[in-house]
PDB file of all heavy atoms in Angstrom:
ATOM      1  N   PHE A   1      -1.579  -3.805 -15.198  1.00  0.00           N
ATOM      2  CA  PHE A   1      -2.558  -3.032 -15.967  1.00  0.00           C
ATOM      3  C   PHE A   1      -2.948  -1.750 -15.238  1.00  0.00           C
ATOM      4  O   PHE A   1      -2.953  -0.665 -15.830  1.00  0.00           O
ATOM      5  CB  PHE A   1      -3.806  -3.874 -16.256  1.00  0.00           C
ATOM      6  CG  PHE A   1      -4.796  -3.182 -17.150  1.00  0.00           C
ATOM      7  CD1 PHE A   1      -4.704  -3.306 -18.531  1.00  0.00           C
ATOM      8  CD2 PHE A   1      -5.800  -2.383 -16.627  1.00  0.00           C
ATOM      9  CE1 PHE A   1      -5.600  -2.652 -19.375  1.00  0.00           C
ATOM     10  CE2 PHE A   1      -6.706  -1.728 -17.453  1.00  0.00           C
ATOM     11  CZ  PHE A   1      -6.601  -1.864 -18.827  1.00  0.00           C
ATOM     12  N   VAL A   2      -3.307  -1.869 -13.951  1.00  0.00           N
ATOM     13  CA  VAL A   2      -3.731  -0.652 -13.250  1.00  0.00           C
ATOM     14  C   VAL A   2      -2.562   0.317 -13.079  1.00  0.00           C
ATOM     15  O   VAL A   2      -2.755   1.543 -13.084  1.00  0.00           O
ATOM     16  CB  VAL A   2      -4.399  -0.975 -11.887  1.00  0.00           C
ATOM     17  CG1 VAL A   2      -5.719  -1.685 -12.102  1.00  0.00           C
ATOM     18  CG2 VAL A   2      -3.490  -1.786 -10.982  1.00  0.00           C
ATOM     19  N   ARG A   3      -1.360  -0.220 -12.954  1.00  0.00           N
ATOM     20  CA  ARG A   3      -0.192   0.674 -12.840  1.00  0.00           C
ATOM     21  C   ARG A   3       0.033   1.428 -14.139  1.00  0.00           C
ATOM     22  O   ARG A   3       0.162   2.660 -14.146  1.00  0.00           O
ATOM     23  CB  ARG A   3       1.066  -0.125 -12.469  1.00  0.00           C
ATOM     24  CG  ARG A   3       2.345   0.726 -12.440  1.00  0.00           C
ATOM     25  CD  ARG A   3       3.550  -0.103 -12.025  1.00  0.00           C
ATOM     26  NE  ARG A   3       3.808  -1.215 -12.906  1.00  0.00           N
ATOM     27  CZ  ARG A   3       4.447  -1.126 -14.075  1.00  0.00           C
ATOM     28  NH1 ARG A   3       4.877   0.065 -14.518  1.00  0.00           N
ATOM     29  NH2 ARG A   3       4.652  -2.202 -14.817  1.00  0.00           N
ATOM     30  N   ARG A   4       0.070   0.705 -15.269  1.00  0.00           N
ATOM     31  CA  ARG A   4       0.397   1.338 -16.555  1.00  0.00           C
ATOM     32  C   ARG A   4      -0.732   2.193 -17.104  1.00  0.00           C
ATOM     33  O   ARG A   4      -0.492   3.229 -17.724  1.00  0.00           O
ATOM     34  CB  ARG A   4       0.792   0.256 -17.564  1.00  0.00           C
ATOM     35  CG  ARG A   4       2.139  -0.379 -17.250  1.00  0.00           C
ATOM     36  CD  ARG A   4       2.475  -1.509 -18.199  1.00  0.00           C
ATOM     37  NE  ARG A   4       2.450  -1.083 -19.599  1.00  0.00           N
ATOM     38  CZ  ARG A   4       2.720  -1.892 -20.620  1.00  0.00           C
ATOM     39  NH1 ARG A   4       3.013  -3.163 -20.389  1.00  0.00           N
ATOM     40  NH2 ARG A   4       2.678  -1.444 -21.855  1.00  0.00           N
ATOM     41  N   ARG A   5      -1.983   1.766 -16.880  1.00  0.00           N
ATOM     42  CA  ARG A   5      -3.105   2.443 -17.526  1.00  0.00           C
ATOM     43  C   ARG A   5      -3.800   3.483 -16.649  1.00  0.00           C
ATOM     44  O   ARG A   5      -4.505   4.345 -17.152  1.00  0.00           O
ATOM     45  CB  ARG A   5      -4.126   1.395 -17.989  1.00  0.00           C
ATOM     46  CG  ARG A   5      -3.566   0.405 -19.020  1.00  0.00           C
ATOM     47  CD  ARG A   5      -3.125   1.122 -20.311  1.00  0.00           C
ATOM     48  NE  ARG A   5      -4.186   1.963 -20.804  1.00  0.00           N
ATOM     49  CZ  ARG A   5      -5.218   1.531 -21.525  1.00  0.00           C
ATOM     50  NH1 ARG A   5      -5.298   0.254 -21.853  1.00  0.00           N
ATOM     51  NH2 ARG A   5      -6.140   2.366 -21.948  1.00  0.00           N
ATOM     52  N   ILE A   6      -3.608   3.375 -15.311  1.00  0.00           N
ATOM     53  CA  ILE A   6      -4.277   4.329 -14.422  1.00  0.00           C
ATOM     54  C   ILE A   6      -3.274   5.125 -13.595  1.00  0.00           C
ATOM     55  O   ILE A   6      -3.232   6.357 -13.675  1.00  0.00           O
ATOM     56  CB  ILE A   6      -5.279   3.606 -13.484  1.00  0.00           C
ATOM     57  CG1 ILE A   6      -6.362   2.880 -14.313  1.00  0.00           C
ATOM     58  CG2 ILE A   6      -5.932   4.607 -12.519  1.00  0.00           C
ATOM     59  CD1 ILE A   6      -7.313   2.041 -13.481  1.00  0.00           C
ATOM     60  N   PHE A   7      -2.447   4.446 -12.825  1.00  0.00           N
ATOM     61  CA  PHE A   7      -1.619   5.158 -11.854  1.00  0.00           C
ATOM     62  C   PHE A   7      -0.502   5.985 -12.493  1.00  0.00           C
ATOM     63  O   PHE A   7      -0.290   7.146 -12.124  1.00  0.00           O
ATOM     64  CB  PHE A   7      -1.041   4.167 -10.841  1.00  0.00           C
ATOM     65  CG  PHE A   7      -2.089   3.345 -10.144  1.00  0.00           C
ATOM     66  CD1 PHE A   7      -1.884   2.012  -9.858  1.00  0.00           C
ATOM     67  CD2 PHE A   7      -3.312   3.914  -9.796  1.00  0.00           C
ATOM     68  CE1 PHE A   7      -2.867   1.248  -9.233  1.00  0.00           C
ATOM     69  CE2 PHE A   7      -4.304   3.159  -9.167  1.00  0.00           C
ATOM     70  CZ  PHE A   7      -4.073   1.825  -8.892  1.00  0.00           C
ATOM     71  N   GLU A   8       0.207   5.414 -13.454  1.00  0.00           N
ATOM     72  CA  GLU A   8       1.284   6.184 -14.091  1.00  0.00           C
ATOM     73  C   GLU A   8       0.763   7.389 -14.873  1.00  0.00           C
ATOM     74  O   GLU A   8       1.308   8.493 -14.735  1.00  0.00           O
ATOM     75  CB  GLU A   8       2.133   5.267 -14.980  1.00  0.00           C
ATOM     76  CG  GLU A   8       3.021   4.325 -14.177  1.00  0.00           C
ATOM     77  CD  GLU A   8       3.877   3.438 -15.055  1.00  0.00           C
ATOM     78  OE1 GLU A   8       3.700   3.463 -16.309  1.00  0.00           O
ATOM     79  OE2 GLU A   8       4.718   2.706 -14.508  1.00  0.00           O
ATOM     80  N   PRO A   9      -0.286   7.263 -15.691  1.00  0.00           N
ATOM     81  CA  PRO A   9      -0.803   8.448 -16.393  1.00  0.00           C
ATOM     82  C   PRO A   9      -1.285   9.552 -15.455  1.00  0.00           C
ATOM     83  O   PRO A   9      -1.248  10.735 -15.815  1.00  0.00           O
ATOM     84  CB  PRO A   9      -1.969   7.890 -17.221  1.00  0.00           C
ATOM     85  CG  PRO A   9      -1.658   6.446 -17.406  1.00  0.00           C
ATOM     86  CD  PRO A   9      -0.961   6.032 -16.149  1.00  0.00           C
ATOM     87  N   LEU A  10      -1.719   9.189 -14.252  1.00  0.00           N
ATOM     88  CA  LEU A  10      -2.235  10.184 -13.304  1.00  0.00           C
ATOM     89  C   LEU A  10      -1.182  10.611 -12.288  1.00  0.00           C
ATOM     90  O   LEU A  10      -1.495  11.347 -11.351  1.00  0.00           O
ATOM     91  CB  LEU A  10      -3.467   9.626 -12.585  1.00  0.00           C
ATOM     92  CG  LEU A  10      -4.647   9.228 -13.473  1.00  0.00           C
ATOM     93  CD1 LEU A  10      -5.815   8.744 -12.623  1.00  0.00           C
ATOM     94  CD2 LEU A  10      -5.076  10.382 -14.374  1.00  0.00           C
ATOM     95  N   ASP A  11       0.060  10.150 -12.468  1.00  0.00           N
ATOM     96  CA  ASP A  11       1.149  10.508 -11.557  1.00  0.00           C
ATOM     97  C   ASP A  11       0.853  10.055 -10.127  1.00  0.00           C
ATOM     98  O   ASP A  11       1.268  10.690  -9.160  1.00  0.00           O
ATOM     99  CB  ASP A  11       1.412  12.019 -11.597  1.00  0.00           C
ATOM    100  CG  ASP A  11       2.764  12.398 -10.994  1.00  0.00           C
ATOM    101  OD1 ASP A  11       3.694  11.580 -11.077  1.00  0.00           O
ATOM    102  OD2 ASP A  11       2.877  13.509 -10.432  1.00  0.00           O
ATOM    103  N   MET A  12       0.131   8.937 -10.006  1.00  0.00           N
ATOM    104  CA  MET A  12      -0.162   8.371  -8.682  1.00  0.00           C
ATOM    105  C   MET A  12       0.958   7.391  -8.320  1.00  0.00           C
ATOM    106  O   MET A  12       0.805   6.167  -8.337  1.00  0.00           O
ATOM    107  CB  MET A  12      -1.536   7.683  -8.693  1.00  0.00           C
ATOM    108  CG  MET A  12      -2.689   8.641  -8.907  1.00  0.00           C
ATOM    109  SD  MET A  12      -4.312   7.811  -9.082  1.00  0.00           S
ATOM    110  CE  MET A  12      -4.529   7.089  -7.448  1.00  0.00           C
ATOM    111  N   ASN A  13       2.096   7.962  -7.962  1.00  0.00           N
ATOM    112  CA  ASN A  13       3.299   7.160  -7.752  1.00  0.00           C
ATOM    113  C   ASN A  13       3.321   6.432  -6.416  1.00  0.00           C
ATOM    114  O   ASN A  13       4.212   5.606  -6.177  1.00  0.00           O
ATOM    115  CB  ASN A  13       4.527   8.059  -7.872  1.00  0.00           C
ATOM    116  CG  ASN A  13       4.638   8.696  -9.243  1.00  0.00           C
ATOM    117  OD1 ASN A  13       4.394   8.040 -10.256  1.00  0.00           O
ATOM    118  ND2 ASN A  13       4.980   9.974  -9.283  1.00  0.00           N
ATOM    119  N   ASP A  14       2.381   6.752  -5.530  1.00  0.00           N
ATOM    120  CA  ASP A  14       2.323   6.098  -4.226  1.00  0.00           C
ATOM    121  C   ASP A  14       1.145   5.128  -4.140  1.00  0.00           C
ATOM    122  O   ASP A  14       0.663   4.817  -3.045  1.00  0.00           O
ATOM    123  CB  ASP A  14       2.205   7.142  -3.113  1.00  0.00           C
ATOM    124  CG  ASP A  14       3.523   7.853  -2.851  1.00  0.00           C
ATOM    125  OD1 ASP A  14       4.577   7.237  -3.085  1.00  0.00           O
ATOM    126  OD2 ASP A  14       3.494   9.016  -2.421  1.00  0.00           O
ATOM    127  N   THR A  15       0.690   4.650  -5.291  1.00  0.00           N
ATOM    128  CA  THR A  15      -0.446   3.734  -5.349  1.00  0.00           C
ATOM    129  C   THR A  15      -0.048   2.500  -6.147  1.00  0.00           C
ATOM    130  O   THR A  15       0.640   2.604  -7.160  1.00  0.00           O
ATOM    131  CB  THR A  15      -1.656   4.414  -6.019  1.00  0.00           C
ATOM    132  OG1 THR A  15      -1.955   5.615  -5.318  1.00  0.00           O
ATOM    133  CG2 THR A  15      -2.874   3.516  -5.995  1.00  0.00           C
ATOM    134  N   GLY A  16      -0.485   1.341  -5.686  1.00  0.00           N
ATOM    135  CA  GLY A  16      -0.165   0.119  -6.416  1.00  0.00           C
ATOM    136  C   GLY A  16      -0.764  -1.104  -5.755  1.00  0.00           C
ATOM    137  O   GLY A  16      -1.542  -1.008  -4.802  1.00  0.00           O
ATOM    138  N   TYR A  17      -0.397  -2.252  -6.288  1.00  0.00           N
ATOM    139  CA  TYR A  17      -0.845  -3.546  -5.758  1.00  0.00           C
ATOM    140  C   TYR A  17       0.110  -3.929  -4.636  1.00  0.00           C
ATOM    141  O   TYR A  17       1.310  -4.029  -4.841  1.00  0.00           O
ATOM    142  CB  TYR A  17      -0.803  -4.591  -6.877  1.00  0.00           C
ATOM    143  CG  TYR A  17      -1.496  -5.896  -6.549  1.00  0.00           C
ATOM    144  CD1 TYR A  17      -2.637  -6.294  -7.233  1.00  0.00           C
ATOM    145  CD2 TYR A  17      -1.000  -6.747  -5.573  1.00  0.00           C
ATOM    146  CE1 TYR A  17      -3.272  -7.501  -6.948  1.00  0.00           C
ATOM    147  CE2 TYR A  17      -1.628  -7.944  -5.277  1.00  0.00           C
ATOM    148  CZ  TYR A  17      -2.764  -8.308  -5.966  1.00  0.00           C
ATOM    149  OH  TYR A  17      -3.388  -9.495  -5.675  1.00  0.00           O
ATOM    150  N   ASP A  18      -0.433  -4.157  -3.446  1.00  0.00           N
ATOM    151  CA  ASP A  18       0.430  -4.442  -2.301  1.00  0.00           C
ATOM    152  C   ASP A  18       1.036  -5.833  -2.424  1.00  0.00           C
ATOM    153  O   ASP A  18       0.377  -6.779  -2.852  1.00  0.00           O
ATOM    154  CB  ASP A  18      -0.365  -4.331  -1.000  1.00  0.00           C
ATOM    155  CG  ASP A  18       0.533  -4.031   0.190  1.00  0.00           C
ATOM    156  OD1 ASP A  18       1.758  -3.889  -0.006  1.00  0.00           O
ATOM    157  OD2 ASP A  18       0.017  -3.934   1.308  1.00  0.00           O
ATOM    158  N   SER A  19       2.298  -5.923  -2.047  1.00  0.00           N
ATOM    159  CA  SER A  19       3.017  -7.190  -2.085  1.00  0.00           C
ATOM    160  C   SER A  19       3.813  -7.319  -0.796  1.00  0.00           C
ATOM    161  O   SER A  19       4.536  -6.400  -0.405  1.00  0.00           O
ATOM    162  CB  SER A  19       3.968  -7.235  -3.286  1.00  0.00           C
ATOM    163  OG  SER A  19       4.917  -8.280  -3.138  1.00  0.00           O
ATOM    164  N   ASP A  20       3.681  -8.464  -0.148  1.00  0.00           N
ATOM    165  CA  ASP A  20       4.398  -8.679   1.109  1.00  0.00           C
ATOM    166  C   ASP A  20       5.901  -8.764   0.890  1.00  0.00           C
ATOM    167  O   ASP A  20       6.682  -8.477   1.799  1.00  0.00           O
ATOM    168  CB  ASP A  20       3.902  -9.967   1.768  1.00  0.00           C
ATOM    169  CG  ASP A  20       2.397  -9.951   1.953  1.00  0.00           C
ATOM    170  OD1 ASP A  20       1.910  -9.052   2.646  1.00  0.00           O
ATOM    171  OD2 ASP A  20       1.710 -10.823   1.385  1.00  0.00           O
ATOM    172  N   ALA A  21       6.311  -9.133  -0.314  1.00  0.00           N
ATOM    173  CA  ALA A  21       7.737  -9.284  -0.592  1.00  0.00           C
ATOM    174  C   ALA A  21       8.419  -7.961  -0.912  1.00  0.00           C
ATOM    175  O   ALA A  21       9.633  -7.820  -0.743  1.00  0.00           O
ATOM    176  CB  ALA A  21       7.930 -10.257  -1.763  1.00  0.00           C
ATOM    177  N   GLU A  22       7.654  -6.981  -1.357  1.00  0.00           N
ATOM    178  CA  GLU A  22       8.242  -5.708  -1.789  1.00  0.00           C
ATOM    179  C   GLU A  22       8.630  -4.845  -0.591  1.00  0.00           C
ATOM    180  O   GLU A  22       7.901  -4.756   0.399  1.00  0.00           O
ATOM    181  CB  GLU A  22       7.224  -4.953  -2.648  1.00  0.00           C
ATOM    182  CG  GLU A  22       7.746  -3.654  -3.221  1.00  0.00           C
ATOM    183  CD  GLU A  22       6.702  -2.935  -4.058  1.00  0.00           C
ATOM    184  OE1 GLU A  22       5.599  -3.502  -4.240  1.00  0.00           O
ATOM    185  OE2 GLU A  22       6.984  -1.824  -4.529  1.00  0.00           O
ATOM    186  N   VAL A  23       9.803  -4.204  -0.704  1.00  0.00           N
ATOM    187  CA  VAL A  23      10.206  -3.211   0.284  1.00  0.00           C
ATOM    188  C   VAL A  23       9.544  -1.896  -0.120  1.00  0.00           C
ATOM    189  O   VAL A  23       9.902  -1.289  -1.123  1.00  0.00           O
ATOM    190  CB  VAL A  23      11.740  -3.054   0.336  1.00  0.00           C
ATOM    191  CG1 VAL A  23      12.132  -1.945   1.314  1.00  0.00           C
ATOM    192  CG2 VAL A  23      12.394  -4.375   0.734  1.00  0.00           C
ATOM    193  N   LEU A  24       8.553  -1.476   0.652  1.00  0.00           N
ATOM    194  CA  LEU A  24       7.707  -0.361   0.263  1.00  0.00           C
ATOM    195  C   LEU A  24       7.862   0.780   1.267  1.00  0.00           C
ATOM    196  O   LEU A  24       7.370   0.695   2.387  1.00  0.00           O
ATOM    197  CB  LEU A  24       6.240  -0.811   0.210  1.00  0.00           C
ATOM    198  CG  LEU A  24       5.230   0.162  -0.374  1.00  0.00           C
ATOM    199  CD1 LEU A  24       5.515   0.429  -1.843  1.00  0.00           C
ATOM    200  CD2 LEU A  24       3.819  -0.382  -0.207  1.00  0.00           C
ATOM    201  N   PRO A  25       8.565   1.849   0.876  1.00  0.00           N
ATOM    202  CA  PRO A  25       8.739   2.981   1.796  1.00  0.00           C
ATOM    203  C   PRO A  25       7.400   3.565   2.229  1.00  0.00           C
ATOM    204  O   PRO A  25       6.442   3.594   1.462  1.00  0.00           O
ATOM    205  CB  PRO A  25       9.529   4.000   0.959  1.00  0.00           C
ATOM    206  CG  PRO A  25      10.206   3.191  -0.091  1.00  0.00           C
ATOM    207  CD  PRO A  25       9.254   2.071  -0.401  1.00  0.00           C
ATOM    208  N   ARG A  26       7.337   4.003   3.472  1.00  0.00           N
ATOM    209  CA  ARG A  26       6.176   4.683   4.042  1.00  0.00           C
ATOM    210  C   ARG A  26       4.930   3.802   4.088  1.00  0.00           C
ATOM    211  O   ARG A  26       3.823   4.295   4.075  1.00  0.00           O
ATOM    212  CB  ARG A  26       5.875   5.998   3.297  1.00  0.00           C
ATOM    213  CG  ARG A  26       6.944   7.052   3.482  1.00  0.00           C
ATOM    214  CD  ARG A  26       6.690   8.312   2.677  1.00  0.00           C
ATOM    215  NE  ARG A  26       7.091   8.142   1.296  1.00  0.00           N
ATOM    216  CZ  ARG A  26       6.266   8.032   0.287  1.00  0.00           C
ATOM    217  NH1 ARG A  26       4.957   8.078   0.488  1.00  0.00           N
ATOM    218  NH2 ARG A  26       6.716   7.887  -0.947  1.00  0.00           N
ATOM    219  N   ARG A  27       5.127   2.499   4.156  1.00  0.00           N
ATOM    220  CA  ARG A  27       3.995   1.571   4.266  1.00  0.00           C
ATOM    221  C   ARG A  27       3.508   1.534   5.718  1.00  0.00           C
ATOM    222  O   ARG A  27       4.294   1.349   6.653  1.00  0.00           O
ATOM    223  CB  ARG A  27       4.423   0.168   3.844  1.00  0.00           C
ATOM    224  CG  ARG A  27       3.259  -0.831   3.786  1.00  0.00           C
ATOM    225  CD  ARG A  27       3.692  -2.266   4.066  1.00  0.00           C
ATOM    226  NE  ARG A  27       4.793  -2.709   3.240  1.00  0.00           N
ATOM    227  CZ  ARG A  27       4.669  -3.553   2.202  1.00  0.00           C
ATOM    228  NH1 ARG A  27       3.506  -4.028   1.858  1.00  0.00           N
ATOM    229  NH2 ARG A  27       5.744  -3.923   1.529  1.00  0.00           N
ATOM    230  N   ALA A  28       2.215   1.713   5.924  1.00  0.00           N
ATOM    231  CA  ALA A  28       1.632   1.597   7.259  1.00  0.00           C
ATOM    232  C   ALA A  28       1.509   0.124   7.635  1.00  0.00           C
ATOM    233  O   ALA A  28       1.174  -0.716   6.800  1.00  0.00           O
ATOM    234  CB  ALA A  28       0.260   2.252   7.305  1.00  0.00           C
ATOM    235  N   ALA A  29       1.806  -0.185   8.886  1.00  0.00           N
ATOM    236  CA  ALA A  29       1.543  -1.520   9.412  1.00  0.00           C
ATOM    237  C   ALA A  29       0.095  -1.578   9.889  1.00  0.00           C
ATOM    238  O   ALA A  29      -0.464  -0.570  10.321  1.00  0.00           O
ATOM    239  CB  ALA A  29       2.497  -1.835  10.560  1.00  0.00           C
ATOM    240  N   GLY A  30      -0.515  -2.753   9.814  1.00  0.00           N
ATOM    241  CA  GLY A  30      -1.896  -2.914  10.226  1.00  0.00           C
ATOM    242  C   GLY A  30      -2.004  -3.531  11.617  1.00  0.00           C
ATOM    243  O   GLY A  30      -1.253  -4.455  11.954  1.00  0.00           O
ATOM    244  N   TYR A  31      -2.931  -3.014  12.416  1.00  0.00           N
ATOM    245  CA  TYR A  31      -3.080  -3.460  13.806  1.00  0.00           C
ATOM    246  C   TYR A  31      -4.551  -3.698  14.135  1.00  0.00           C
ATOM    247  O   TYR A  31      -5.446  -3.239  13.430  1.00  0.00           O
ATOM    248  CB  TYR A  31      -2.535  -2.398  14.772  1.00  0.00           C
ATOM    249  CG  TYR A  31      -1.083  -2.047  14.543  1.00  0.00           C
ATOM    250  CD1 TYR A  31      -0.727  -0.997  13.696  1.00  0.00           C
ATOM    251  CD2 TYR A  31      -0.071  -2.771  15.168  1.00  0.00           C
ATOM    252  CE1 TYR A  31       0.602  -0.685  13.483  1.00  0.00           C
ATOM    253  CE2 TYR A  31       1.272  -2.460  14.961  1.00  0.00           C
ATOM    254  CZ  TYR A  31       1.597  -1.415  14.108  1.00  0.00           C
ATOM    255  OH  TYR A  31       2.917  -1.108  13.901  1.00  0.00           O
ATOM    256  N   GLU A  32      -4.770  -4.376  15.256  1.00  0.00           N
ATOM    257  CA  GLU A  32      -6.128  -4.519  15.776  1.00  0.00           C
ATOM    258  C   GLU A  32      -6.076  -4.417  17.299  1.00  0.00           C
ATOM    259  O   GLU A  32      -5.083  -4.779  17.926  1.00  0.00           O
ATOM    260  CB  GLU A  32      -6.757  -5.838  15.348  1.00  0.00           C
ATOM    261  CG  GLU A  32      -6.009  -7.079  15.790  1.00  0.00           C
ATOM    262  CD  GLU A  32      -6.651  -8.356  15.289  1.00  0.00           C
ATOM    263  OE1 GLU A  32      -7.244  -8.328  14.185  1.00  0.00           O
ATOM    264  OE2 GLU A  32      -6.562  -9.371  15.999  1.00  0.00           O
ATOM    265  N   ARG A  33      -7.168  -3.885  17.856  1.00  0.00           N
ATOM    266  CA  ARG A  33      -7.293  -3.813  19.316  1.00  0.00           C
ATOM    267  C   ARG A  33      -8.161  -4.973  19.785  1.00  0.00           C
ATOM    268  O   ARG A  33      -9.248  -5.192  19.281  1.00  0.00           O
ATOM    269  CB  ARG A  33      -7.933  -2.497  19.750  1.00  0.00           C
ATOM    270  CG  ARG A  33      -7.068  -1.291  19.511  1.00  0.00           C
ATOM    271  CD  ARG A  33      -7.660  -0.050  20.176  1.00  0.00           C
ATOM    272  NE  ARG A  33      -6.984   1.148  19.736  1.00  0.00           N
ATOM    273  CZ  ARG A  33      -5.849   1.598  20.248  1.00  0.00           C
ATOM    274  NH1 ARG A  33      -5.283   0.933  21.250  1.00  0.00           N
ATOM    275  NH2 ARG A  33      -5.285   2.693  19.789  1.00  0.00           N
ATOM    276  N   ARG A  34      -7.652  -5.693  20.773  1.00  0.00           N
ATOM    277  CA  ARG A  34      -8.407  -6.789  21.370  1.00  0.00           C
ATOM    278  C   ARG A  34      -8.475  -6.550  22.866  1.00  0.00           C
ATOM    279  O   ARG A  34      -7.457  -6.612  23.555  1.00  0.00           O
ATOM    280  CB  ARG A  34      -7.746  -8.136  21.089  1.00  0.00           C
ATOM    281  CG  ARG A  34      -7.813  -8.565  19.633  1.00  0.00           C
ATOM    282  CD  ARG A  34      -7.375 -10.004  19.482  1.00  0.00           C
ATOM    283  NE  ARG A  34      -7.460 -10.460  18.104  1.00  0.00           N
ATOM    284  CZ  ARG A  34      -7.206 -11.707  17.732  1.00  0.00           C
ATOM    285  NH1 ARG A  34      -6.857 -12.605  18.644  1.00  0.00           N
ATOM    286  NH2 ARG A  34      -7.293 -12.058  16.470  1.00  0.00           N
ATOM    287  N   GLY A  35      -9.682  -6.243  23.334  1.00  0.00           N
ATOM    288  CA  GLY A  35      -9.844  -5.971  24.752  1.00  0.00           C
ATOM    289  C   GLY A  35      -8.973  -4.831  25.235  1.00  0.00           C
ATOM    290  O   GLY A  35      -8.483  -4.837  26.366  1.00  0.00           O
ATOM    291  N   GLY A  36      -8.735  -3.846  24.370  1.00  0.00           N
ATOM    292  CA  GLY A  36      -7.918  -2.698  24.737  1.00  0.00           C
ATOM    293  C   GLY A  36      -6.445  -2.886  24.439  1.00  0.00           C
ATOM    294  O   GLY A  36      -5.665  -1.927  24.508  1.00  0.00           O
ATOM    295  N   GLU A  37      -6.032  -4.101  24.093  1.00  0.00           N
ATOM    296  CA  GLU A  37      -4.621  -4.371  23.798  1.00  0.00           C
ATOM    297  C   GLU A  37      -4.378  -4.269  22.294  1.00  0.00           C
ATOM    298  O   GLU A  37      -5.143  -4.799  21.487  1.00  0.00           O
ATOM    299  CB  GLU A  37      -4.250  -5.776  24.292  1.00  0.00           C
ATOM    300  CG  GLU A  37      -2.799  -6.154  24.009  1.00  0.00           C
ATOM    301  CD  GLU A  37      -2.488  -7.589  24.408  1.00  0.00           C
ATOM    302  OE1 GLU A  37      -3.370  -8.250  25.016  1.00  0.00           O
ATOM    303  OE2 GLU A  37      -1.376  -8.058  24.109  1.00  0.00           O
ATOM    304  N   LEU A  38      -3.301  -3.584  21.910  1.00  0.00           N
ATOM    305  CA  LEU A  38      -2.951  -3.423  20.498  1.00  0.00           C
ATOM    306  C   LEU A  38      -2.108  -4.599  20.034  1.00  0.00           C
ATOM    307  O   LEU A  38      -1.120  -4.963  20.688  1.00  0.00           O
ATOM    308  CB  LEU A  38      -2.183  -2.113  20.306  1.00  0.00           C
ATOM    309  CG  LEU A  38      -1.997  -1.639  18.863  1.00  0.00           C
ATOM    310  CD1 LEU A  38      -3.328  -1.239  18.246  1.00  0.00           C
ATOM    311  CD2 LEU A  38      -1.037  -0.456  18.812  1.00  0.00           C
TER     312      LEU A  38
END
């Protein structure tokens, strides 16, 4: 719904529902620092 009704009409081609299974170009990996260690 959000893809067809919001993102496609607005040409927001780099926005969507994240899926761990999808191969998504330019996807940032998420990290955390613990005691200074990444």
